[in-house]
Amino acid sequence: MDLSEQLRAKITIELHRLEEDCSHSGKAHFNASDRWNQFNYWFGIPSVVISAIIGTALVKDHVVWASVGSAAVTVLTALVTFLKPAEKATLHKNSGDQYLALKNDSRVFREITLLKNAEEAAAIEGLEGLTKRRNELNQASPLFANRDFRRAKKGVDEGQATHVVDKTAK
């Protein structure tokens, strides 16, 4: 194996690593997005329903229930304001989308660009560009919970992130 073949093999291995990292990180961000969306609904829907109930004539004669309902709405609204679950869900979804795009770009680079006899300098430059994108994405992305990552890893290990064509090609 000459130097060029060795270099291509090493680049291919590194691209596989990058794709695996992106699969796990992207799926973890999607899991975090789902979780924060659930929080948004858990806090928001009861707040709307309780507000509607205490605003009707039904509680006009039930001052205690109206007071309890008002307190519940205040707490739920404060939680939504403080935790910002909708904003966090969007941030995690955007990060997941970016990891998925990076994974796709890496796969195309590995499966197509490297095979068309790219010069060594171009192959290294391509790898460095993808690696730089991953590092920047790692720094810019919000943190996800360990349970989001564990769920992601389990899903990826079970083949949830593998295309059918890739399963049959092996």
N, C-alpha and C. Protein backbone atom coordinates (compact mmCIF):
# COMPACT_ATOMS: atom_id res chain seq x y z
N MET A 1 0.85 -1.18 0.00
CA MET A 1 0.00 0.00 0.00
C MET A 1 0.90 1.23 0.00
N ASP A 2 0.75 2.07 -1.01
CA ASP A 2 1.58 3.27 -1.07
C ASP A 2 1.02 4.36 -0.16
N LEU A 3 1.75 5.44 -0.05
CA LEU A 3 1.38 6.54 0.84
C LEU A 3 -0.01 7.08 0.51
N SER A 4 -0.32 7.22 -0.76
CA SER A 4 -1.61 7.76 -1.18
C SER A 4 -2.75 6.85 -0.71
N GLU A 5 -2.58 5.54 -0.86
CA GLU A 5 -3.60 4.59 -0.42
C GLU A 5 -3.73 4.60 1.10
N GLN A 6 -2.59 4.69 1.79
CA GLN A 6 -2.62 4.76 3.26
C GLN A 6 -3.34 6.02 3.72
N LEU A 7 -3.05 7.13 3.08
CA LEU A 7 -3.68 8.40 3.43
C LEU A 7 -5.19 8.33 3.19
N ARG A 8 -5.58 7.80 2.04
CA ARG A 8 -7.00 7.66 1.73
C ARG A 8 -7.70 6.77 2.77
N ALA A 9 -7.04 5.69 3.18
CA ALA A 9 -7.61 4.80 4.19
C ALA A 9 -7.77 5.51 5.53
N LYS A 10 -6.76 6.27 5.92
CA LYS A 10 -6.82 7.02 7.19
C LYS A 10 -7.93 8.08 7.14
N ILE A 11 -8.04 8.77 6.02
CA ILE A 11 -9.09 9.79 5.87
C ILE A 11 -10.46 9.13 5.95
N THR A 12 -10.60 7.98 5.30
CA THR A 12 -11.88 7.26 5.33
C THR A 12 -12.25 6.87 6.76
N ILE A 13 -11.28 6.37 7.52
CA ILE A 13 -11.53 6.00 8.92
C ILE A 13 -11.98 7.23 9.72
N GLU A 14 -11.29 8.34 9.52
CA GLU A 14 -11.63 9.56 10.25
C GLU A 14 -13.03 10.06 9.87
N LEU A 15 -13.38 9.92 8.60
CA LEU A 15 -14.72 10.32 8.17
C LEU A 15 -15.79 9.42 8.79
N HIS A 16 -15.50 8.14 8.92
CA HIS A 16 -16.43 7.23 9.61
C HIS A 16 -16.62 7.69 11.06
N ARG A 17 -15.54 8.06 11.72
CA ARG A 17 -15.63 8.57 13.10
C ARG A 17 -16.51 9.81 13.16
N LEU A 18 -16.27 10.72 12.24
CA LEU A 18 -17.03 11.97 12.20
C LEU A 18 -18.52 11.67 12.00
N GLU A 19 -18.83 10.77 11.09
CA GLU A 19 -20.22 10.40 10.83
C GLU A 19 -20.87 9.77 12.06
N GLU A 20 -20.12 8.92 12.75
CA GLU A 20 -20.65 8.30 13.97
C GLU A 20 -20.90 9.34 15.04
N ASP A 21 -19.95 10.26 15.22
CA ASP A 21 -20.14 11.35 16.18
C ASP A 21 -21.39 12.15 15.85
N CYS A 22 -21.56 12.46 14.57
CA CYS A 22 -22.71 13.25 14.13
C CYS A 22 -24.02 12.50 14.35
N SER A 23 -24.01 11.19 14.12
CA SER A 23 -25.22 10.39 14.35
C SER A 23 -25.65 10.46 15.80
N HIS A 24 -24.69 10.25 16.70
CA HIS A 24 -25.01 10.27 18.12
C HIS A 24 -25.40 11.67 18.60
N SER A 25 -24.61 12.66 18.24
CA SER A 25 -24.89 14.02 18.70
C SER A 25 -26.19 14.56 18.10
N GLY A 26 -26.38 14.34 16.81
CA GLY A 26 -27.60 14.81 16.18
C GLY A 26 -28.84 14.19 16.79
N LYS A 27 -28.81 12.87 16.96
CA LYS A 27 -29.96 12.17 17.55
C LYS A 27 -30.19 12.61 18.99
N ALA A 28 -29.11 12.86 19.74
CA ALA A 28 -29.26 13.33 21.12
C ALA A 28 -29.93 14.71 21.14
N HIS A 29 -29.56 15.57 20.19
CA HIS A 29 -30.21 16.89 20.12
C HIS A 29 -31.68 16.75 19.73
N PHE A 30 -31.99 15.84 18.82
CA PHE A 30 -33.40 15.63 18.47
C PHE A 30 -34.18 15.11 19.68
N ASN A 31 -33.56 14.22 20.47
CA ASN A 31 -34.20 13.73 21.68
C ASN A 31 -34.43 14.87 22.67
N ALA A 32 -33.43 15.74 22.83
CA ALA A 32 -33.57 16.89 23.73
C ALA A 32 -34.67 17.82 23.24
N SER A 33 -34.74 18.02 21.94
CA SER A 33 -35.79 18.87 21.37
C SER A 33 -37.17 18.30 21.69
N ASP A 34 -37.33 17.00 21.52
CA ASP A 34 -38.61 16.35 21.85
C ASP A 34 -38.95 16.54 23.32
N ARG A 35 -37.97 16.36 24.18
CA ARG A 35 -38.20 16.49 25.62
C ARG A 35 -38.63 17.91 25.98
N TRP A 36 -37.94 18.91 25.42
CA TRP A 36 -38.29 20.30 25.72
C TRP A 36 -39.65 20.67 25.13
N ASN A 37 -40.00 20.09 23.98
CA ASN A 37 -41.35 20.31 23.43
C ASN A 37 -42.41 19.74 24.36
N GLN A 38 -42.13 18.57 24.94
CA GLN A 38 -43.07 17.99 25.90
C GLN A 38 -43.24 18.90 27.11
N PHE A 39 -42.14 19.43 27.63
CA PHE A 39 -42.23 20.37 28.76
C PHE A 39 -43.09 21.57 28.38
N ASN A 40 -42.90 22.08 27.20
CA ASN A 40 -43.67 23.23 26.74
C ASN A 40 -45.17 22.92 26.79
N TYR A 41 -45.55 21.73 26.31
CA TYR A 41 -46.96 21.34 26.35
C TYR A 41 -47.44 21.06 27.77
N TRP A 42 -46.60 20.41 28.57
CA TRP A 42 -46.99 20.09 29.95
C TRP A 42 -47.25 21.35 30.77
N PHE A 43 -46.50 22.39 30.51
CA PHE A 43 -46.69 23.64 31.25
C PHE A 43 -47.73 24.53 30.57
N GLY A 44 -47.72 24.56 29.26
CA GLY A 44 -48.57 25.50 28.53
C GLY A 44 -50.03 25.11 28.49
N ILE A 45 -50.33 23.86 28.19
CA ILE A 45 -51.72 23.44 28.05
C ILE A 45 -52.49 23.57 29.37
N PRO A 46 -51.96 23.05 30.49
CA PRO A 46 -52.69 23.25 31.74
C PRO A 46 -52.88 24.73 32.08
N SER A 47 -51.89 25.55 31.77
CA SER A 47 -52.00 26.97 32.04
C SER A 47 -53.16 27.58 31.27
N VAL A 48 -53.29 27.23 30.00
CA VAL A 48 -54.38 27.75 29.17
C VAL A 48 -55.73 27.24 29.68
N VAL A 49 -55.81 25.95 29.98
CA VAL A 49 -57.08 25.36 30.43
C VAL A 49 -57.50 25.97 31.76
N ILE A 50 -56.59 26.03 32.71
CA ILE A 50 -56.93 26.59 34.03
C ILE A 50 -57.31 28.06 33.90
N SER A 51 -56.60 28.80 33.07
CA SER A 51 -56.94 30.22 32.85
C SER A 51 -58.35 30.35 32.31
N ALA A 52 -58.71 29.49 31.37
CA ALA A 52 -60.05 29.55 30.78
C ALA A 52 -61.11 29.22 31.82
N ILE A 53 -60.82 28.23 32.64
CA ILE A 53 -61.79 27.83 33.66
C ILE A 53 -61.99 28.93 34.70
N ILE A 54 -60.89 29.47 35.20
CA ILE A 54 -61.03 30.49 36.25
C ILE A 54 -61.57 31.81 35.69
N GLY A 55 -61.51 31.96 34.39
CA GLY A 55 -62.04 33.18 33.78
C GLY A 55 -63.52 33.10 33.47
N THR A 56 -64.11 31.95 33.65
CA THR A 56 -65.53 31.79 33.36
C THR A 56 -66.38 32.09 34.57
N ALA A 57 -67.66 32.17 34.36
CA ALA A 57 -68.60 32.43 35.45
C ALA A 57 -68.70 31.25 36.40
N LEU A 58 -68.20 30.06 35.99
CA LEU A 58 -68.30 28.88 36.83
C LEU A 58 -67.59 29.05 38.17
N VAL A 59 -66.50 29.79 38.19
CA VAL A 59 -65.76 29.94 39.44
C VAL A 59 -66.09 31.25 40.15
N LYS A 60 -67.04 31.97 39.62
CA LYS A 60 -67.42 33.25 40.22
C LYS A 60 -67.85 33.05 41.68
N ASP A 61 -68.54 31.97 41.92
CA ASP A 61 -69.00 31.69 43.27
C ASP A 61 -68.06 30.77 44.04
N HIS A 62 -66.90 30.45 43.46
CA HIS A 62 -65.93 29.56 44.09
C HIS A 62 -64.59 30.27 44.21
N VAL A 63 -64.53 31.17 45.14
CA VAL A 63 -63.35 32.02 45.30
C VAL A 63 -62.10 31.20 45.61
N VAL A 64 -62.23 30.17 46.41
CA VAL A 64 -61.07 29.35 46.76
C VAL A 64 -60.50 28.67 45.52
N TRP A 65 -61.39 28.07 44.70
CA TRP A 65 -60.93 27.40 43.49
C TRP A 65 -60.32 28.40 42.51
N ALA A 66 -60.90 29.57 42.45
CA ALA A 66 -60.35 30.60 41.58
C ALA A 66 -58.96 31.02 42.04
N SER A 67 -58.76 31.11 43.36
CA SER A 67 -57.45 31.48 43.90
C SER A 67 -56.42 30.39 43.65
N VAL A 68 -56.81 29.14 43.86
CA VAL A 68 -55.91 28.02 43.61
C VAL A 68 -55.55 27.96 42.13
N GLY A 69 -56.54 28.13 41.27
CA GLY A 69 -56.29 28.13 39.83
C GLY A 69 -55.37 29.26 39.40
N SER A 70 -55.59 30.43 39.98
CA SER A 70 -54.73 31.58 39.65
C SER A 70 -53.29 31.31 40.08
N ALA A 71 -53.12 30.71 41.23
CA ALA A 71 -51.77 30.39 41.71
C ALA A 71 -51.11 29.37 40.79
N ALA A 72 -51.89 28.37 40.36
CA ALA A 72 -51.34 27.34 39.46
C ALA A 72 -50.92 27.96 38.13
N VAL A 73 -51.75 28.85 37.60
CA VAL A 73 -51.41 29.51 36.34
C VAL A 73 -50.15 30.36 36.50
N THR A 74 -50.04 31.03 37.63
CA THR A 74 -48.86 31.85 37.89
C THR A 74 -47.60 30.99 37.92
N VAL A 75 -47.66 29.86 38.59
CA VAL A 75 -46.50 28.97 38.67
C VAL A 75 -46.15 28.41 37.29
N LEU A 76 -47.15 27.94 36.56
CA LEU A 76 -46.90 27.37 35.23
C LEU A 76 -46.34 28.43 34.27
N THR A 77 -46.88 29.62 34.33
CA THR A 77 -46.39 30.70 33.47
C THR A 77 -44.96 31.08 33.84
N ALA A 78 -44.67 31.10 35.13
CA ALA A 78 -43.30 31.40 35.58
C ALA A 78 -42.33 30.34 35.10
N LEU A 79 -42.74 29.08 35.14
CA LEU A 79 -41.87 27.99 34.66
C LEU A 79 -41.59 28.13 33.17
N VAL A 80 -42.62 28.44 32.39
CA VAL A 80 -42.42 28.61 30.95
C VAL A 80 -41.51 29.80 30.68
N THR A 81 -41.70 30.87 31.43
CA THR A 81 -40.86 32.07 31.25
C THR A 81 -39.42 31.79 31.64
N PHE A 82 -39.21 31.10 32.74
CA PHE A 82 -37.86 30.84 33.24
C PHE A 82 -37.14 29.77 32.41
N LEU A 83 -37.81 28.66 32.14
CA LEU A 83 -37.17 27.54 31.45
C LEU A 83 -37.11 27.71 29.93
N LYS A 84 -38.04 28.46 29.37
CA LYS A 84 -38.10 28.69 27.92
C LYS A 84 -38.02 27.38 27.13
N PRO A 85 -38.92 26.44 27.40
CA PRO A 85 -38.83 25.14 26.74
C PRO A 85 -38.98 25.21 25.22
N ALA A 86 -39.82 26.08 24.70
CA ALA A 86 -39.97 26.18 23.24
C ALA A 86 -38.67 26.65 22.59
N GLU A 87 -38.02 27.62 23.22
CA GLU A 87 -36.75 28.13 22.69
C GLU A 87 -35.67 27.05 22.73
N LYS A 88 -35.62 26.31 23.83
CA LYS A 88 -34.62 25.24 23.95
C LYS A 88 -34.90 24.12 22.96
N ALA A 89 -36.17 23.80 22.75
CA ALA A 89 -36.51 22.77 21.77
C ALA A 89 -36.04 23.17 20.38
N THR A 90 -36.24 24.43 20.04
CA THR A 90 -35.81 24.92 18.72
C THR A 90 -34.29 24.90 18.58
N LEU A 91 -33.58 25.31 19.63
CA LEU A 91 -32.11 25.29 19.58
C LEU A 91 -31.58 23.88 19.37
N HIS A 92 -32.16 22.92 20.09
CA HIS A 92 -31.71 21.53 19.96
C HIS A 92 -32.07 20.96 18.58
N LYS A 93 -33.25 21.29 18.07
CA LYS A 93 -33.61 20.81 16.74
C LYS A 93 -32.67 21.38 15.69
N ASN A 94 -32.35 22.66 15.80
CA ASN A 94 -31.42 23.27 14.85
C ASN A 94 -30.04 22.60 14.91
N SER A 95 -29.56 22.31 16.12
CA SER A 95 -28.28 21.62 16.26
C SER A 95 -28.35 20.23 15.66
N GLY A 96 -29.44 19.52 15.93
CA GLY A 96 -29.62 18.19 15.35
C GLY A 96 -29.60 18.24 13.83
N ASP A 97 -30.29 19.23 13.27
CA ASP A 97 -30.29 19.39 11.81
C ASP A 97 -28.89 19.65 11.28
N GLN A 98 -28.11 20.47 11.98
CA GLN A 98 -26.76 20.77 11.53
C GLN A 98 -25.85 19.55 11.61
N TYR A 99 -26.00 18.75 12.67
CA TYR A 99 -25.21 17.51 12.77
C TYR A 99 -25.60 16.54 11.64
N LEU A 100 -26.89 16.47 11.35
CA LEU A 100 -27.34 15.59 10.27
C LEU A 100 -26.77 16.06 8.92
N ALA A 101 -26.76 17.36 8.68
CA ALA A 101 -26.19 17.90 7.44
C ALA A 101 -24.69 17.59 7.36
N LEU A 102 -23.99 17.75 8.47
CA LEU A 102 -22.56 17.45 8.49
C LEU A 102 -22.30 15.97 8.24
N LYS A 103 -23.12 15.12 8.84
CA LYS A 103 -22.99 13.68 8.62
C LYS A 103 -23.19 13.35 7.14
N ASN A 104 -24.21 13.95 6.53
CA ASN A 104 -24.49 13.71 5.11
C ASN A 104 -23.34 14.21 4.24
N ASP A 105 -22.84 15.40 4.53
CA ASP A 105 -21.72 15.94 3.75
C ASP A 105 -20.48 15.06 3.88
N SER A 106 -20.25 14.55 5.08
CA SER A 106 -19.10 13.68 5.30
C SER A 106 -19.25 12.38 4.52
N ARG A 107 -20.45 11.80 4.56
CA ARG A 107 -20.68 10.55 3.83
C ARG A 107 -20.48 10.75 2.33
N VAL A 108 -21.02 11.83 1.78
CA VAL A 108 -20.86 12.10 0.34
C VAL A 108 -19.39 12.31 0.00
N PHE A 109 -18.69 13.02 0.86
CA PHE A 109 -17.25 13.23 0.64
C PHE A 109 -16.51 11.89 0.64
N ARG A 110 -16.84 11.03 1.60
CA ARG A 110 -16.17 9.73 1.72
C ARG A 110 -16.54 8.80 0.58
N GLU A 111 -17.82 8.74 0.24
CA GLU A 111 -18.30 7.78 -0.76
C GLU A 111 -18.09 8.23 -2.19
N ILE A 112 -18.00 9.53 -2.44
CA ILE A 112 -17.92 10.00 -3.83
C ILE A 112 -16.66 10.80 -4.10
N THR A 113 -16.45 11.86 -3.35
CA THR A 113 -15.32 12.75 -3.62
C THR A 113 -13.98 12.02 -3.53
N LEU A 114 -13.80 11.23 -2.50
CA LEU A 114 -12.53 10.51 -2.35
C LEU A 114 -12.32 9.47 -3.45
N LEU A 115 -13.40 8.96 -4.00
CA LEU A 115 -13.29 7.92 -5.02
C LEU A 115 -12.96 8.46 -6.41
N LYS A 116 -13.12 9.75 -6.61
CA LYS A 116 -12.86 10.29 -7.95
C LYS A 116 -11.42 10.77 -8.08
N ASN A 117 -10.53 10.06 -7.39
CA ASN A 117 -9.10 10.34 -7.46
C ASN A 117 -8.74 11.77 -7.10
N ALA A 118 -9.31 12.23 -6.01
CA ALA A 118 -8.97 13.56 -5.53
C ALA A 118 -7.49 13.58 -5.13
N GLU A 119 -6.85 14.69 -5.37
CA GLU A 119 -5.45 14.84 -4.99
C GLU A 119 -5.35 14.80 -3.47
N GLU A 120 -4.19 14.40 -2.98
CA GLU A 120 -3.99 14.29 -1.53
C GLU A 120 -4.29 15.60 -0.82
N ALA A 121 -3.80 16.71 -1.36
CA ALA A 121 -4.02 18.01 -0.72
C ALA A 121 -5.51 18.34 -0.63
N ALA A 122 -6.26 18.04 -1.69
CA ALA A 122 -7.70 18.31 -1.70
C ALA A 122 -8.43 17.40 -0.70
N ALA A 123 -7.99 16.15 -0.61
CA ALA A 123 -8.61 15.21 0.33
C ALA A 123 -8.38 15.66 1.77
N ILE A 124 -7.16 16.08 2.05
CA ILE A 124 -6.84 16.57 3.40
C ILE A 124 -7.62 17.85 3.70
N GLU A 125 -7.67 18.74 2.73
CA GLU A 125 -8.40 20.00 2.91
C GLU A 125 -9.89 19.74 3.17
N GLY A 126 -10.47 18.78 2.44
CA GLY A 126 -11.87 18.43 2.65
C GLY A 126 -12.11 17.88 4.04
N LEU A 127 -11.24 16.98 4.48
CA LEU A 127 -11.36 16.43 5.82
C LEU A 127 -11.22 17.52 6.87
N GLU A 128 -10.24 18.39 6.70
CA GLU A 128 -10.04 19.47 7.67
C GLU A 128 -11.26 20.40 7.73
N GLY A 129 -11.88 20.67 6.59
CA GLY A 129 -13.08 21.51 6.58
C GLY A 129 -14.23 20.88 7.34
N LEU A 130 -14.43 19.58 7.12
CA LEU A 130 -15.50 18.88 7.83
C LEU A 130 -15.21 18.80 9.33
N THR A 131 -13.96 18.54 9.67
CA THR A 131 -13.57 18.47 11.09
C THR A 131 -13.76 19.83 11.77
N LYS A 132 -13.40 20.89 11.07
CA LYS A 132 -13.58 22.24 11.62
C LYS A 132 -15.06 22.52 11.87
N ARG A 133 -15.92 22.13 10.92
CA ARG A 133 -17.37 22.33 11.09
C ARG A 133 -17.86 21.57 12.33
N ARG A 134 -17.39 20.33 12.51
CA ARG A 134 -17.82 19.54 13.67
C ARG A 134 -17.38 20.22 14.95
N ASN A 135 -16.13 20.69 15.02
CA ASN A 135 -15.64 21.34 16.22
C ASN A 135 -16.42 22.61 16.54
N GLU A 136 -16.72 23.39 15.52
CA GLU A 136 -17.51 24.61 15.73
C GLU A 136 -18.92 24.28 16.18
N LEU A 137 -19.49 23.25 15.61
CA LEU A 137 -20.83 22.83 16.00
C LEU A 137 -20.85 22.31 17.43
N ASN A 138 -19.82 21.56 17.81
CA ASN A 138 -19.72 21.09 19.19
C ASN A 138 -19.69 22.26 20.18
N GLN A 139 -18.97 23.31 19.83
CA GLN A 139 -18.86 24.48 20.71
C GLN A 139 -20.14 25.30 20.74
N ALA A 140 -20.83 25.41 19.63
CA ALA A 140 -21.99 26.29 19.54
C ALA A 140 -23.29 25.63 20.00
N SER A 141 -23.33 24.33 20.05
CA SER A 141 -24.57 23.63 20.37
C SER A 141 -24.86 23.66 21.87
N PRO A 142 -26.17 23.72 22.22
CA PRO A 142 -26.51 23.64 23.64
C PRO A 142 -26.22 22.23 24.18
N LEU A 143 -26.03 22.15 25.47
CA LEU A 143 -25.80 20.84 26.09
C LEU A 143 -27.09 20.04 26.13
N PHE A 144 -26.97 18.75 25.93
CA PHE A 144 -28.12 17.88 26.09
C PHE A 144 -27.91 17.01 27.32
N ALA A 145 -28.98 16.48 27.85
CA ALA A 145 -28.91 15.66 29.05
C ALA A 145 -28.31 14.29 28.71
N ASN A 146 -27.71 13.66 29.71
CA ASN A 146 -27.13 12.33 29.51
C ASN A 146 -28.18 11.34 29.02
N ARG A 147 -29.41 11.46 29.51
CA ARG A 147 -30.45 10.52 29.08
C ARG A 147 -30.76 10.69 27.60
N ASP A 148 -30.64 11.92 27.08
CA ASP A 148 -30.84 12.14 25.65
C ASP A 148 -29.76 11.41 24.85
N PHE A 149 -28.52 11.46 25.33
CA PHE A 149 -27.43 10.78 24.65
C PHE A 149 -27.57 9.26 24.75
N ARG A 150 -27.91 8.77 25.93
CA ARG A 150 -28.07 7.31 26.09
C ARG A 150 -29.16 6.78 25.16
N ARG A 151 -30.27 7.50 25.07
CA ARG A 151 -31.35 7.11 24.15
C ARG A 151 -30.87 7.15 22.70
N ALA A 152 -30.09 8.18 22.38
CA ALA A 152 -29.57 8.32 21.02
C ALA A 152 -28.63 7.18 20.69
N LYS A 153 -27.72 6.87 21.60
CA LYS A 153 -26.74 5.80 21.36
C LYS A 153 -27.45 4.47 21.17
N LYS A 154 -28.43 4.22 22.01
CA LYS A 154 -29.19 2.98 21.90
C LYS A 154 -29.88 2.91 20.54
N GLY A 155 -30.49 4.00 20.13
CA GLY A 155 -31.18 4.03 18.84
C GLY A 155 -30.23 3.85 17.67
N VAL A 156 -29.09 4.53 17.71
CA VAL A 156 -28.10 4.41 16.64
C VAL A 156 -27.56 2.99 16.60
N ASP A 157 -27.25 2.43 17.79
CA ASP A 157 -26.73 1.06 17.85
C ASP A 157 -27.74 0.04 17.32
N GLU A 158 -29.03 0.35 17.46
CA GLU A 158 -30.09 -0.54 16.96
C GLU A 158 -30.37 -0.32 15.47
N GLY A 159 -29.67 0.64 14.86
CA GLY A 159 -29.80 0.86 13.43
C GLY A 159 -30.78 1.93 13.02
N GLN A 160 -31.28 2.72 13.96
CA GLN A 160 -32.26 3.75 13.62
C GLN A 160 -31.69 4.82 12.70
N ALA A 161 -30.39 5.02 12.70
CA ALA A 161 -29.79 6.07 11.87
C ALA A 161 -29.17 5.51 10.59
N THR A 162 -29.41 4.24 10.32
CA THR A 162 -28.82 3.59 9.16
C THR A 162 -29.86 3.50 8.05
N HIS A 163 -29.48 3.92 6.86
CA HIS A 163 -30.37 3.83 5.71
C HIS A 163 -30.52 2.37 5.28
N VAL A 164 -31.64 2.04 4.71
CA VAL A 164 -31.90 0.67 4.24
C VAL A 164 -30.83 0.25 3.24
N VAL A 165 -30.47 1.14 2.34
CA VAL A 165 -29.45 0.80 1.34
C VAL A 165 -28.13 0.42 1.99
N ASP A 166 -27.80 1.04 3.11
CA ASP A 166 -26.56 0.72 3.81
C ASP A 166 -26.66 -0.61 4.54
N LYS A 167 -27.85 -0.98 4.98
CA LYS A 167 -28.03 -2.27 5.65
C LYS A 167 -27.89 -3.42 4.64
N THR A 168 -28.41 -3.22 3.43
CA THR A 168 -28.37 -4.28 2.41
C THR A 168 -27.03 -4.35 1.71
N ALA A 169 -26.25 -3.27 1.76
CA ALA A 169 -24.94 -3.23 1.08
C ALA A 169 -23.87 -3.98 1.84
N LYS A 170 -24.11 -4.27 3.09
CA LYS A 170 -23.07 -4.91 3.91
C LYS A 170 -23.01 -6.39 3.71
